[in-house]
Amino acid sequence: MEWGPPKNVSEVRSFLGLAGYYRRFVKDFSVVTKPLTNLLKKNAPFNWNDKCAQSFEELKKRLTSAPILALPSGDGGYVVYTDASRQGLGCVLMQHGKVIAYASRQLRPHEINYPTHDLELAAIVHALKIWRHYLYGETFQIFTDHKSLKYIPTQKELNLRQRRWIELMKDYDCTIDYHLGRQIL
């Protein structure tokens, strides 16, 4: 792909705007673009470094290679894999063992302070919101690498954020199961 490195914030914004249109087809999109989005912060100096160049080239490579995504069939069988880190939230929607879509986003400034338990739950909520049109009315499984989330619907002591998210999850016919982290895709 013949696209030279951006020379200013406007060019970075333009490139990320184009790339963002295809974000659902790029695994770990928000993690890959983090160095570039850091250049867009208000009052941040434009400092193109090796991390930015590496991010730019990796994103170009992922945009030009064909992802292996399947079209969803209307017969259910959805499985959602979620994960969270201190950088962002990520999830994968699968059906019958084939990837339908990827979704990820960076953490907002206030979310950086969330405990791991809440970040993992936020990843589940993110997946439910973004793929509502696939999942609403279907029976499906959610896999997370945070074992205690399997029992969260039966917990007595929850903070307000967790209660709000549990209420959102009650709209769906889903079960949360544990899946060892390094085995999630």
N, C-alpha and C. Protein backbone atom coordinates (compact mmCIF):
# COMPACT_ATOMS: atom_id res chain seq x y z
N MET A 1 0.85 -1.17 0.00
CA MET A 1 0.00 0.00 0.00
C MET A 1 0.90 1.23 0.00
N GLU A 2 0.76 2.06 -0.98
CA GLU A 2 1.58 3.26 -1.12
C GLU A 2 0.98 4.43 -0.34
N TRP A 3 1.23 4.47 0.93
CA TRP A 3 0.76 5.56 1.78
C TRP A 3 1.91 5.89 2.70
N GLY A 4 2.52 7.04 2.46
CA GLY A 4 3.66 7.46 3.27
C GLY A 4 3.25 7.81 4.68
N PRO A 5 4.22 7.84 5.59
CA PRO A 5 3.90 8.17 6.98
C PRO A 5 3.34 9.59 7.11
N PRO A 6 2.39 9.79 8.01
CA PRO A 6 1.81 11.11 8.21
C PRO A 6 2.85 12.11 8.70
N LYS A 7 2.69 13.35 8.28
CA LYS A 7 3.65 14.39 8.66
C LYS A 7 3.09 15.36 9.69
N ASN A 8 1.78 15.26 9.96
CA ASN A 8 1.17 16.13 10.96
C ASN A 8 -0.09 15.47 11.53
N VAL A 9 -0.69 16.11 12.51
CA VAL A 9 -1.86 15.56 13.19
C VAL A 9 -3.03 15.37 12.23
N SER A 10 -3.20 16.29 11.31
CA SER A 10 -4.29 16.20 10.35
C SER A 10 -4.18 14.94 9.49
N GLU A 11 -2.97 14.61 9.06
CA GLU A 11 -2.76 13.41 8.24
C GLU A 11 -2.98 12.13 9.06
N VAL A 12 -2.58 12.16 10.35
CA VAL A 12 -2.82 11.01 11.23
C VAL A 12 -4.33 10.80 11.39
N ARG A 13 -5.04 11.89 11.63
CA ARG A 13 -6.50 11.82 11.80
C ARG A 13 -7.16 11.28 10.52
N SER A 14 -6.68 11.71 9.38
CA SER A 14 -7.22 11.26 8.10
C SER A 14 -7.00 9.75 7.93
N PHE A 15 -5.79 9.30 8.21
CA PHE A 15 -5.47 7.87 8.08
C PHE A 15 -6.30 7.03 9.04
N LEU A 16 -6.40 7.47 10.30
CA LEU A 16 -7.17 6.72 11.28
C LEU A 16 -8.67 6.74 10.94
N GLY A 17 -9.13 7.80 10.32
CA GLY A 17 -10.52 7.86 9.89
C GLY A 17 -10.81 6.81 8.84
N LEU A 18 -9.92 6.70 7.87
CA LEU A 18 -10.07 5.68 6.84
C LEU A 18 -9.98 4.28 7.44
N ALA A 19 -8.96 4.06 8.26
CA ALA A 19 -8.75 2.74 8.86
C ALA A 19 -9.91 2.38 9.79
N GLY A 20 -10.45 3.36 10.50
CA GLY A 20 -11.53 3.11 11.44
C GLY A 20 -12.78 2.55 10.79
N TYR A 21 -12.97 2.86 9.53
CA TYR A 21 -14.12 2.34 8.80
C TYR A 21 -14.07 0.81 8.73
N TYR A 22 -12.86 0.24 8.75
CA TYR A 22 -12.66 -1.20 8.63
C TYR A 22 -12.30 -1.86 9.95
N ARG A 23 -12.49 -1.18 11.07
CA ARG A 23 -12.03 -1.68 12.36
C ARG A 23 -12.62 -3.03 12.74
N ARG A 24 -13.83 -3.35 12.32
CA ARG A 24 -14.43 -4.63 12.71
C ARG A 24 -13.74 -5.81 12.03
N PHE A 25 -12.94 -5.55 11.01
CA PHE A 25 -12.24 -6.62 10.31
C PHE A 25 -10.78 -6.76 10.76
N VAL A 26 -10.35 -5.90 11.67
CA VAL A 26 -8.95 -5.90 12.11
C VAL A 26 -8.90 -6.31 13.57
N LYS A 27 -8.26 -7.44 13.83
CA LYS A 27 -8.13 -7.92 15.21
C LYS A 27 -7.24 -6.95 15.99
N ASP A 28 -7.65 -6.65 17.22
CA ASP A 28 -6.90 -5.75 18.13
C ASP A 28 -6.68 -4.37 17.53
N PHE A 29 -7.66 -3.86 16.84
CA PHE A 29 -7.53 -2.56 16.17
C PHE A 29 -7.10 -1.47 17.14
N SER A 30 -7.75 -1.38 18.29
CA SER A 30 -7.44 -0.28 19.22
C SER A 30 -6.05 -0.41 19.82
N VAL A 31 -5.58 -1.62 20.01
CA VAL A 31 -4.22 -1.82 20.55
C VAL A 31 -3.19 -1.41 19.50
N VAL A 32 -3.43 -1.79 18.25
CA VAL A 32 -2.49 -1.46 17.17
C VAL A 32 -2.42 0.05 16.96
N THR A 33 -3.55 0.73 17.06
CA THR A 33 -3.59 2.17 16.76
C THR A 33 -3.28 3.07 17.95
N LYS A 34 -3.05 2.51 19.13
CA LYS A 34 -2.83 3.34 20.32
C LYS A 34 -1.73 4.38 20.15
N PRO A 35 -0.54 4.03 19.65
CA PRO A 35 0.49 5.07 19.47
C PRO A 35 0.04 6.20 18.54
N LEU A 36 -0.75 5.87 17.53
CA LEU A 36 -1.23 6.89 16.60
C LEU A 36 -2.30 7.77 17.23
N THR A 37 -3.20 7.16 17.99
CA THR A 37 -4.25 7.97 18.63
C THR A 37 -3.69 8.85 19.73
N ASN A 38 -2.57 8.44 20.32
CA ASN A 38 -1.92 9.30 21.33
C ASN A 38 -1.44 10.60 20.70
N LEU A 39 -1.13 10.58 19.40
CA LEU A 39 -0.70 11.80 18.71
C LEU A 39 -1.85 12.79 18.56
N LEU A 40 -3.09 12.32 18.66
CA LEU A 40 -4.26 13.17 18.46
C LEU A 40 -4.73 13.87 19.73
N LYS A 41 -4.09 13.56 20.85
CA LYS A 41 -4.52 14.17 22.11
C LYS A 41 -4.30 15.67 22.09
N LYS A 42 -5.19 16.36 22.76
CA LYS A 42 -5.13 17.82 22.81
C LYS A 42 -3.83 18.27 23.48
N ASN A 43 -3.20 19.25 22.89
CA ASN A 43 -1.94 19.85 23.38
C ASN A 43 -0.77 18.88 23.42
N ALA A 44 -0.89 17.74 22.75
CA ALA A 44 0.23 16.80 22.68
C ALA A 44 1.11 17.18 21.49
N PRO A 45 2.43 17.20 21.68
CA PRO A 45 3.30 17.53 20.55
C PRO A 45 3.30 16.39 19.53
N PHE A 46 3.46 16.75 18.26
CA PHE A 46 3.52 15.73 17.22
C PHE A 46 4.94 15.18 17.21
N ASN A 47 5.09 13.97 17.76
CA ASN A 47 6.39 13.34 17.87
C ASN A 47 6.31 11.96 17.22
N TRP A 48 6.67 11.89 15.94
CA TRP A 48 6.63 10.63 15.20
C TRP A 48 7.84 9.81 15.60
N ASN A 49 7.61 8.69 16.30
CA ASN A 49 8.72 7.86 16.77
C ASN A 49 8.60 6.44 16.20
N ASP A 50 9.47 5.56 16.68
CA ASP A 50 9.48 4.18 16.17
C ASP A 50 8.17 3.44 16.46
N LYS A 51 7.59 3.68 17.63
CA LYS A 51 6.32 3.03 17.96
C LYS A 51 5.21 3.47 16.99
N CYS A 52 5.20 4.75 16.66
CA CYS A 52 4.20 5.26 15.72
C CYS A 52 4.41 4.65 14.34
N ALA A 53 5.66 4.60 13.90
CA ALA A 53 5.96 4.03 12.59
C ALA A 53 5.59 2.54 12.54
N GLN A 54 5.91 1.83 13.61
CA GLN A 54 5.58 0.41 13.66
C GLN A 54 4.07 0.21 13.65
N SER A 55 3.35 1.02 14.40
CA SER A 55 1.89 0.96 14.43
C SER A 55 1.31 1.26 13.06
N PHE A 56 1.82 2.28 12.40
CA PHE A 56 1.36 2.68 11.07
C PHE A 56 1.55 1.54 10.07
N GLU A 57 2.74 0.95 10.05
CA GLU A 57 3.03 -0.14 9.11
C GLU A 57 2.20 -1.39 9.41
N GLU A 58 2.04 -1.70 10.70
CA GLU A 58 1.25 -2.88 11.08
C GLU A 58 -0.21 -2.70 10.67
N LEU A 59 -0.73 -1.51 10.86
CA LEU A 59 -2.12 -1.25 10.48
C LEU A 59 -2.29 -1.33 8.96
N LYS A 60 -1.33 -0.78 8.21
CA LYS A 60 -1.39 -0.90 6.74
C LYS A 60 -1.38 -2.36 6.32
N LYS A 61 -0.52 -3.16 6.98
CA LYS A 61 -0.42 -4.58 6.65
C LYS A 61 -1.75 -5.29 6.93
N ARG A 62 -2.34 -5.00 8.08
CA ARG A 62 -3.59 -5.67 8.44
C ARG A 62 -4.75 -5.23 7.55
N LEU A 63 -4.71 -4.00 7.08
CA LEU A 63 -5.78 -3.51 6.20
C LEU A 63 -5.69 -4.10 4.80
N THR A 64 -4.48 -4.44 4.37
CA THR A 64 -4.32 -4.94 3.00
C THR A 64 -4.33 -6.46 2.90
N SER A 65 -4.26 -7.16 4.04
CA SER A 65 -4.36 -8.61 3.99
C SER A 65 -5.81 -9.00 4.27
N ALA A 66 -6.27 -9.99 3.56
CA ALA A 66 -7.67 -10.38 3.65
C ALA A 66 -7.95 -11.13 4.95
N PRO A 67 -8.88 -10.64 5.75
CA PRO A 67 -9.25 -11.38 6.96
C PRO A 67 -10.16 -12.55 6.59
N ILE A 68 -10.11 -13.57 7.41
CA ILE A 68 -10.96 -14.73 7.16
C ILE A 68 -12.18 -14.59 8.07
N LEU A 69 -13.19 -13.90 7.59
CA LEU A 69 -14.42 -13.71 8.36
C LEU A 69 -15.56 -14.42 7.64
N ALA A 70 -16.46 -14.97 8.43
CA ALA A 70 -17.61 -15.67 7.86
C ALA A 70 -18.85 -14.79 7.97
N LEU A 71 -19.79 -15.02 7.10
CA LEU A 71 -21.09 -14.35 7.22
C LEU A 71 -21.92 -15.10 8.24
N PRO A 72 -22.64 -14.38 9.09
CA PRO A 72 -23.46 -15.08 10.08
C PRO A 72 -24.66 -15.75 9.41
N SER A 73 -24.96 -16.95 9.87
CA SER A 73 -26.17 -17.63 9.40
C SER A 73 -27.25 -17.37 10.46
N GLY A 74 -28.47 -17.54 10.13
CA GLY A 74 -29.56 -17.20 11.04
C GLY A 74 -29.93 -18.27 12.04
N ASP A 75 -29.06 -19.26 12.24
CA ASP A 75 -29.45 -20.38 13.10
C ASP A 75 -28.77 -20.40 14.46
N GLY A 76 -28.38 -19.24 14.98
CA GLY A 76 -27.82 -19.16 16.33
C GLY A 76 -26.43 -19.77 16.43
N GLY A 77 -26.12 -20.29 17.61
CA GLY A 77 -24.81 -20.89 17.82
C GLY A 77 -23.71 -19.88 18.03
N TYR A 78 -24.06 -18.68 18.50
CA TYR A 78 -23.05 -17.64 18.71
C TYR A 78 -22.24 -17.89 19.97
N VAL A 79 -20.97 -17.54 19.89
CA VAL A 79 -20.06 -17.59 21.03
C VAL A 79 -19.29 -16.28 21.02
N VAL A 80 -19.17 -15.67 22.20
CA VAL A 80 -18.44 -14.41 22.33
C VAL A 80 -17.25 -14.64 23.24
N TYR A 81 -16.07 -14.24 22.80
CA TYR A 81 -14.87 -14.28 23.62
C TYR A 81 -14.49 -12.84 23.95
N THR A 82 -14.26 -12.57 25.24
CA THR A 82 -13.91 -11.22 25.65
C THR A 82 -12.62 -11.23 26.46
N ASP A 83 -11.94 -10.10 26.43
CA ASP A 83 -10.74 -9.94 27.24
C ASP A 83 -10.53 -8.46 27.48
N ALA A 84 -9.87 -8.15 28.57
CA ALA A 84 -9.58 -6.76 28.91
C ALA A 84 -8.15 -6.67 29.40
N SER A 85 -7.55 -5.53 29.17
CA SER A 85 -6.22 -5.26 29.68
C SER A 85 -6.19 -3.81 30.13
N ARG A 86 -5.06 -3.35 30.59
CA ARG A 86 -4.93 -1.95 31.00
C ARG A 86 -4.87 -1.01 29.79
N GLN A 87 -4.84 -1.57 28.58
CA GLN A 87 -4.83 -0.75 27.37
C GLN A 87 -6.21 -0.64 26.74
N GLY A 88 -6.99 -1.71 26.80
CA GLY A 88 -8.28 -1.67 26.14
C GLY A 88 -9.11 -2.91 26.34
N LEU A 89 -10.25 -2.93 25.67
CA LEU A 89 -11.19 -4.04 25.72
C LEU A 89 -11.24 -4.68 24.34
N GLY A 90 -11.34 -5.99 24.31
CA GLY A 90 -11.42 -6.67 23.03
C GLY A 90 -12.40 -7.82 23.09
N CYS A 91 -13.02 -8.11 21.96
CA CYS A 91 -13.96 -9.23 21.91
C CYS A 91 -14.04 -9.77 20.48
N VAL A 92 -14.43 -11.03 20.42
CA VAL A 92 -14.56 -11.73 19.14
C VAL A 92 -15.92 -12.41 19.13
N LEU A 93 -16.66 -12.23 18.05
CA LEU A 93 -17.94 -12.91 17.87
C LEU A 93 -17.72 -14.07 16.91
N MET A 94 -18.10 -15.27 17.35
CA MET A 94 -17.94 -16.46 16.52
C MET A 94 -19.27 -17.19 16.39
N GLN A 95 -19.38 -17.94 15.31
CA GLN A 95 -20.55 -18.78 15.10
C GLN A 95 -20.08 -20.06 14.43
N HIS A 96 -20.39 -21.19 15.04
CA HIS A 96 -20.00 -22.50 14.52
C HIS A 96 -18.49 -22.57 14.27
N GLY A 97 -17.70 -22.00 15.18
CA GLY A 97 -16.25 -22.07 15.09
C GLY A 97 -15.60 -21.11 14.11
N LYS A 98 -16.38 -20.22 13.50
CA LYS A 98 -15.83 -19.26 12.53
C LYS A 98 -16.00 -17.84 13.06
N VAL A 99 -14.99 -17.01 12.82
CA VAL A 99 -15.04 -15.63 13.28
C VAL A 99 -16.00 -14.83 12.41
N ILE A 100 -16.92 -14.14 13.07
CA ILE A 100 -17.88 -13.26 12.39
C ILE A 100 -17.36 -11.82 12.41
N ALA A 101 -16.88 -11.38 13.59
CA ALA A 101 -16.41 -9.99 13.71
C ALA A 101 -15.49 -9.84 14.91
N TYR A 102 -14.65 -8.82 14.84
CA TYR A 102 -13.80 -8.40 15.95
C TYR A 102 -14.30 -7.04 16.43
N ALA A 103 -14.08 -6.76 17.70
CA ALA A 103 -14.37 -5.42 18.23
C ALA A 103 -13.37 -5.13 19.33
N SER A 104 -12.92 -3.90 19.37
CA SER A 104 -12.02 -3.48 20.44
C SER A 104 -12.13 -1.98 20.60
N ARG A 105 -11.74 -1.52 21.75
CA ARG A 105 -11.66 -0.09 21.98
C ARG A 105 -10.66 0.18 23.09
N GLN A 106 -10.11 1.38 23.06
CA GLN A 106 -9.19 1.78 24.12
C GLN A 106 -9.99 2.16 25.35
N LEU A 107 -9.32 2.09 26.50
CA LEU A 107 -9.97 2.51 27.73
C LEU A 107 -10.09 4.02 27.77
N ARG A 108 -11.19 4.47 28.32
CA ARG A 108 -11.37 5.91 28.54
C ARG A 108 -10.56 6.29 29.77
N PRO A 109 -10.21 7.57 29.92
CA PRO A 109 -9.34 7.95 31.05
C PRO A 109 -9.84 7.49 32.42
N HIS A 110 -11.13 7.57 32.67
CA HIS A 110 -11.63 7.15 33.99
C HIS A 110 -11.64 5.63 34.15
N GLU A 111 -11.66 4.88 33.07
CA GLU A 111 -11.71 3.42 33.14
C GLU A 111 -10.36 2.81 33.51
N ILE A 112 -9.31 3.56 33.33
CA ILE A 112 -7.97 3.06 33.65
C ILE A 112 -7.89 2.68 35.13
N ASN A 113 -8.68 3.36 35.96
CA ASN A 113 -8.66 3.10 37.40
C ASN A 113 -9.58 1.96 37.83
N TYR A 114 -10.33 1.37 36.92
CA TYR A 114 -11.22 0.27 37.27
C TYR A 114 -10.41 -0.94 37.72
N PRO A 115 -10.92 -1.69 38.67
CA PRO A 115 -10.26 -2.96 39.01
C PRO A 115 -10.42 -3.96 37.86
N THR A 116 -9.58 -4.96 37.84
CA THR A 116 -9.57 -5.95 36.76
C THR A 116 -10.95 -6.59 36.58
N HIS A 117 -11.60 -6.88 37.69
CA HIS A 117 -12.93 -7.49 37.66
C HIS A 117 -13.90 -6.64 36.84
N ASP A 118 -13.89 -5.33 37.07
CA ASP A 118 -14.79 -4.43 36.35
C ASP A 118 -14.39 -4.27 34.88
N LEU A 119 -13.09 -4.28 34.61
CA LEU A 119 -12.64 -4.18 33.21
C LEU A 119 -13.11 -5.39 32.41
N GLU A 120 -12.99 -6.56 33.00
CA GLU A 120 -13.43 -7.78 32.30
C GLU A 120 -14.94 -7.75 32.07
N LEU A 121 -15.69 -7.25 33.05
CA LEU A 121 -17.14 -7.11 32.89
C LEU A 121 -17.47 -6.05 31.85
N ALA A 122 -16.67 -4.98 31.81
CA ALA A 122 -16.87 -3.93 30.79
C ALA A 122 -16.67 -4.50 29.39
N ALA A 123 -15.73 -5.43 29.23
CA ALA A 123 -15.51 -6.05 27.91
C ALA A 123 -16.75 -6.84 27.48
N ILE A 124 -17.38 -7.52 28.43
CA ILE A 124 -18.60 -8.27 28.11
C ILE A 124 -19.71 -7.31 27.70
N VAL A 125 -19.88 -6.24 28.47
CA VAL A 125 -20.92 -5.26 28.17
C VAL A 125 -20.67 -4.60 26.81
N HIS A 126 -19.40 -4.30 26.51
CA HIS A 126 -19.05 -3.73 25.21
C HIS A 126 -19.48 -4.67 24.08
N ALA A 127 -19.20 -5.96 24.24
CA ALA A 127 -19.58 -6.94 23.22
C ALA A 127 -21.10 -7.00 23.06
N LEU A 128 -21.82 -6.99 24.17
CA LEU A 128 -23.28 -7.07 24.10
C LEU A 128 -23.87 -5.85 23.40
N LYS A 129 -23.31 -4.69 23.67
CA LYS A 129 -23.83 -3.47 23.06
C LYS A 129 -23.52 -3.41 21.57
N ILE A 130 -22.31 -3.77 21.20
CA ILE A 130 -21.89 -3.62 19.81
C ILE A 130 -22.53 -4.68 18.90
N TRP A 131 -22.81 -5.86 19.45
CA TRP A 131 -23.39 -6.94 18.65
C TRP A 131 -24.82 -7.26 19.06
N ARG A 132 -25.51 -6.29 19.59
CA ARG A 132 -26.89 -6.49 20.03
C ARG A 132 -27.76 -7.06 18.90
N HIS A 133 -27.58 -6.57 17.69
CA HIS A 133 -28.40 -7.03 16.57
C HIS A 133 -28.18 -8.50 16.23
N TYR A 134 -27.04 -9.06 16.60
CA TYR A 134 -26.82 -10.49 16.41
C TYR A 134 -27.33 -11.29 17.61
N LEU A 135 -27.09 -10.78 18.82
CA LEU A 135 -27.24 -11.58 20.03
C LEU A 135 -28.61 -11.48 20.70
N TYR A 136 -29.32 -10.39 20.50
CA TYR A 136 -30.60 -10.23 21.18
C TYR A 136 -31.59 -11.28 20.70
N GLY A 137 -32.16 -12.02 21.64
CA GLY A 137 -33.11 -13.07 21.30
C GLY A 137 -32.48 -14.42 21.02
N GLU A 138 -31.15 -14.48 21.03
CA GLU A 138 -30.44 -15.74 20.79
C GLU A 138 -29.91 -16.29 22.11
N THR A 139 -29.71 -17.59 22.18
CA THR A 139 -29.02 -18.21 23.31
C THR A 139 -27.56 -18.35 22.91
N PHE A 140 -26.66 -17.84 23.74
CA PHE A 140 -25.24 -17.87 23.39
C PHE A 140 -24.38 -17.95 24.64
N GLN A 141 -23.10 -18.24 24.42
CA GLN A 141 -22.12 -18.33 25.49
C GLN A 141 -21.16 -17.16 25.40
N ILE A 142 -20.71 -16.72 26.57
CA ILE A 142 -19.65 -15.72 26.65
C ILE A 142 -18.49 -16.37 27.39
N PHE A 143 -17.30 -16.31 26.80
CA PHE A 143 -16.11 -16.83 27.44
C PHE A 143 -15.22 -15.67 27.86
N THR A 144 -14.75 -15.72 29.10
CA THR A 144 -13.85 -14.72 29.63
C THR A 144 -12.71 -15.43 30.36
N ASP A 145 -11.59 -14.76 30.50
CA ASP A 145 -10.47 -15.36 31.22
C ASP A 145 -10.46 -14.93 32.69
N HIS A 146 -11.55 -14.38 33.16
CA HIS A 146 -11.68 -13.96 34.56
C HIS A 146 -12.73 -14.86 35.21
N LYS A 147 -12.25 -15.87 35.94
CA LYS A 147 -13.12 -16.94 36.42
C LYS A 147 -14.27 -16.46 37.30
N SER A 148 -14.05 -15.45 38.12
CA SER A 148 -15.09 -15.02 39.06
C SER A 148 -16.31 -14.42 38.36
N LEU A 149 -16.18 -13.98 37.11
CA LEU A 149 -17.33 -13.42 36.40
C LEU A 149 -18.40 -14.48 36.12
N LYS A 150 -18.00 -15.74 36.17
CA LYS A 150 -18.96 -16.82 35.97
C LYS A 150 -20.06 -16.78 37.03
N TYR A 151 -19.71 -16.27 38.20
CA TYR A 151 -20.64 -16.26 39.33
C TYR A 151 -21.24 -14.89 39.62
N ILE A 152 -20.95 -13.89 38.81
CA ILE A 152 -21.40 -12.53 39.11
C ILE A 152 -22.92 -12.37 39.15
N PRO A 153 -23.70 -13.08 38.34
CA PRO A 153 -25.15 -12.88 38.43
C PRO A 153 -25.74 -13.27 39.79
N THR A 154 -25.05 -14.12 40.55
CA THR A 154 -25.57 -14.56 41.85
C THR A 154 -24.93 -13.83 43.03
N GLN A 155 -24.06 -12.89 42.76
CA GLN A 155 -23.39 -12.15 43.84
C GLN A 155 -24.37 -11.23 44.56
N LYS A 156 -24.19 -11.09 45.85
CA LYS A 156 -25.05 -10.21 46.65
C LYS A 156 -24.47 -8.80 46.73
N GLU A 157 -23.16 -8.70 46.87
CA GLU A 157 -22.51 -7.40 47.05
C GLU A 157 -21.94 -6.92 45.71
N LEU A 158 -22.63 -5.98 45.09
CA LEU A 158 -22.17 -5.41 43.82
C LEU A 158 -22.18 -3.90 43.93
N ASN A 159 -21.23 -3.25 43.27
CA ASN A 159 -21.27 -1.79 43.24
C ASN A 159 -22.30 -1.34 42.20
N LEU A 160 -22.57 -0.05 42.16
CA LEU A 160 -23.63 0.46 41.27
C LEU A 160 -23.34 0.19 39.80
N ARG A 161 -22.09 0.33 39.41
CA ARG A 161 -21.70 0.08 38.02
C ARG A 161 -21.98 -1.37 37.65
N GLN A 162 -21.56 -2.29 38.53
CA GLN A 162 -21.78 -3.71 38.27
C GLN A 162 -23.27 -4.03 38.22
N ARG A 163 -24.07 -3.43 39.10
CA ARG A 163 -25.52 -3.66 39.09
C ARG A 163 -26.13 -3.19 37.77
N ARG A 164 -25.70 -2.04 37.30
CA ARG A 164 -26.22 -1.51 36.04
C ARG A 164 -25.88 -2.46 34.89
N TRP A 165 -24.65 -2.95 34.88
CA TRP A 165 -24.23 -3.85 33.82
C TRP A 165 -24.94 -5.20 33.90
N ILE A 166 -25.18 -5.69 35.11
CA ILE A 166 -25.90 -6.95 35.27
C ILE A 166 -27.34 -6.80 34.76
N GLU A 167 -27.94 -5.65 35.01
CA GLU A 167 -29.30 -5.39 34.50
C GLU A 167 -29.31 -5.42 32.97
N LEU A 168 -28.28 -4.85 32.35
CA LEU A 168 -28.18 -4.89 30.89
C LEU A 168 -28.04 -6.33 30.41
N MET A 169 -27.26 -7.13 31.12
CA MET A 169 -27.03 -8.52 30.72
C MET A 169 -28.30 -9.37 30.85
N LYS A 170 -29.22 -8.97 31.72
CA LYS A 170 -30.45 -9.74 31.90
C LYS A 170 -31.35 -9.69 30.66
N ASP A 171 -31.09 -8.75 29.76
CA ASP A 171 -31.84 -8.67 28.50
C ASP A 171 -31.47 -9.81 27.55
N TYR A 172 -30.37 -10.49 27.83
CA TYR A 172 -29.84 -11.51 26.92
C TYR A 172 -29.94 -12.89 27.55
N ASP A 173 -30.07 -13.90 26.70
CA ASP A 173 -30.08 -15.29 27.14
C ASP A 173 -28.67 -15.84 26.96
N CYS A 174 -27.82 -15.54 27.94
CA CYS A 174 -26.42 -15.93 27.80
C CYS A 174 -25.90 -16.56 29.09
N THR A 175 -24.84 -17.32 28.93
CA THR A 175 -24.13 -17.86 30.08
C THR A 175 -22.69 -17.40 29.98
N ILE A 176 -22.10 -17.14 31.14
CA ILE A 176 -20.70 -16.72 31.19
C ILE A 176 -19.89 -17.92 31.64
N ASP A 177 -18.87 -18.27 30.88
CA ASP A 177 -18.00 -19.39 31.21
C ASP A 177 -16.55 -18.94 31.22
N TYR A 178 -15.75 -19.69 31.97
CA TYR A 178 -14.33 -19.40 32.07
C TYR A 178 -13.58 -20.10 30.95
N HIS A 179 -12.63 -19.39 30.40
CA HIS A 179 -11.77 -19.94 29.35
C HIS A 179 -10.37 -19.42 29.62
N LEU A 180 -9.41 -20.29 29.73
CA LEU A 180 -8.04 -19.89 30.04
C LEU A 180 -7.57 -18.81 29.08
N GLY A 181 -7.00 -17.72 29.61
CA GLY A 181 -6.64 -16.54 28.83
C GLY A 181 -5.81 -16.79 27.60
N ARG A 182 -4.78 -17.59 27.72
CA ARG A 182 -3.90 -17.78 26.56
C ARG A 182 -4.56 -18.66 25.49
N GLN A 183 -5.71 -19.26 25.81
CA GLN A 183 -6.42 -20.07 24.83
C GLN A 183 -7.48 -19.29 24.09
N ILE A 184 -7.74 -18.04 24.51
CA ILE A 184 -8.73 -17.23 23.82
C ILE A 184 -8.10 -16.73 22.53
N LEU A 185 -8.50 -17.30 21.45
CA LEU A 185 -7.99 -16.99 20.10
C LEU A 185 -6.54 -16.69 20.15
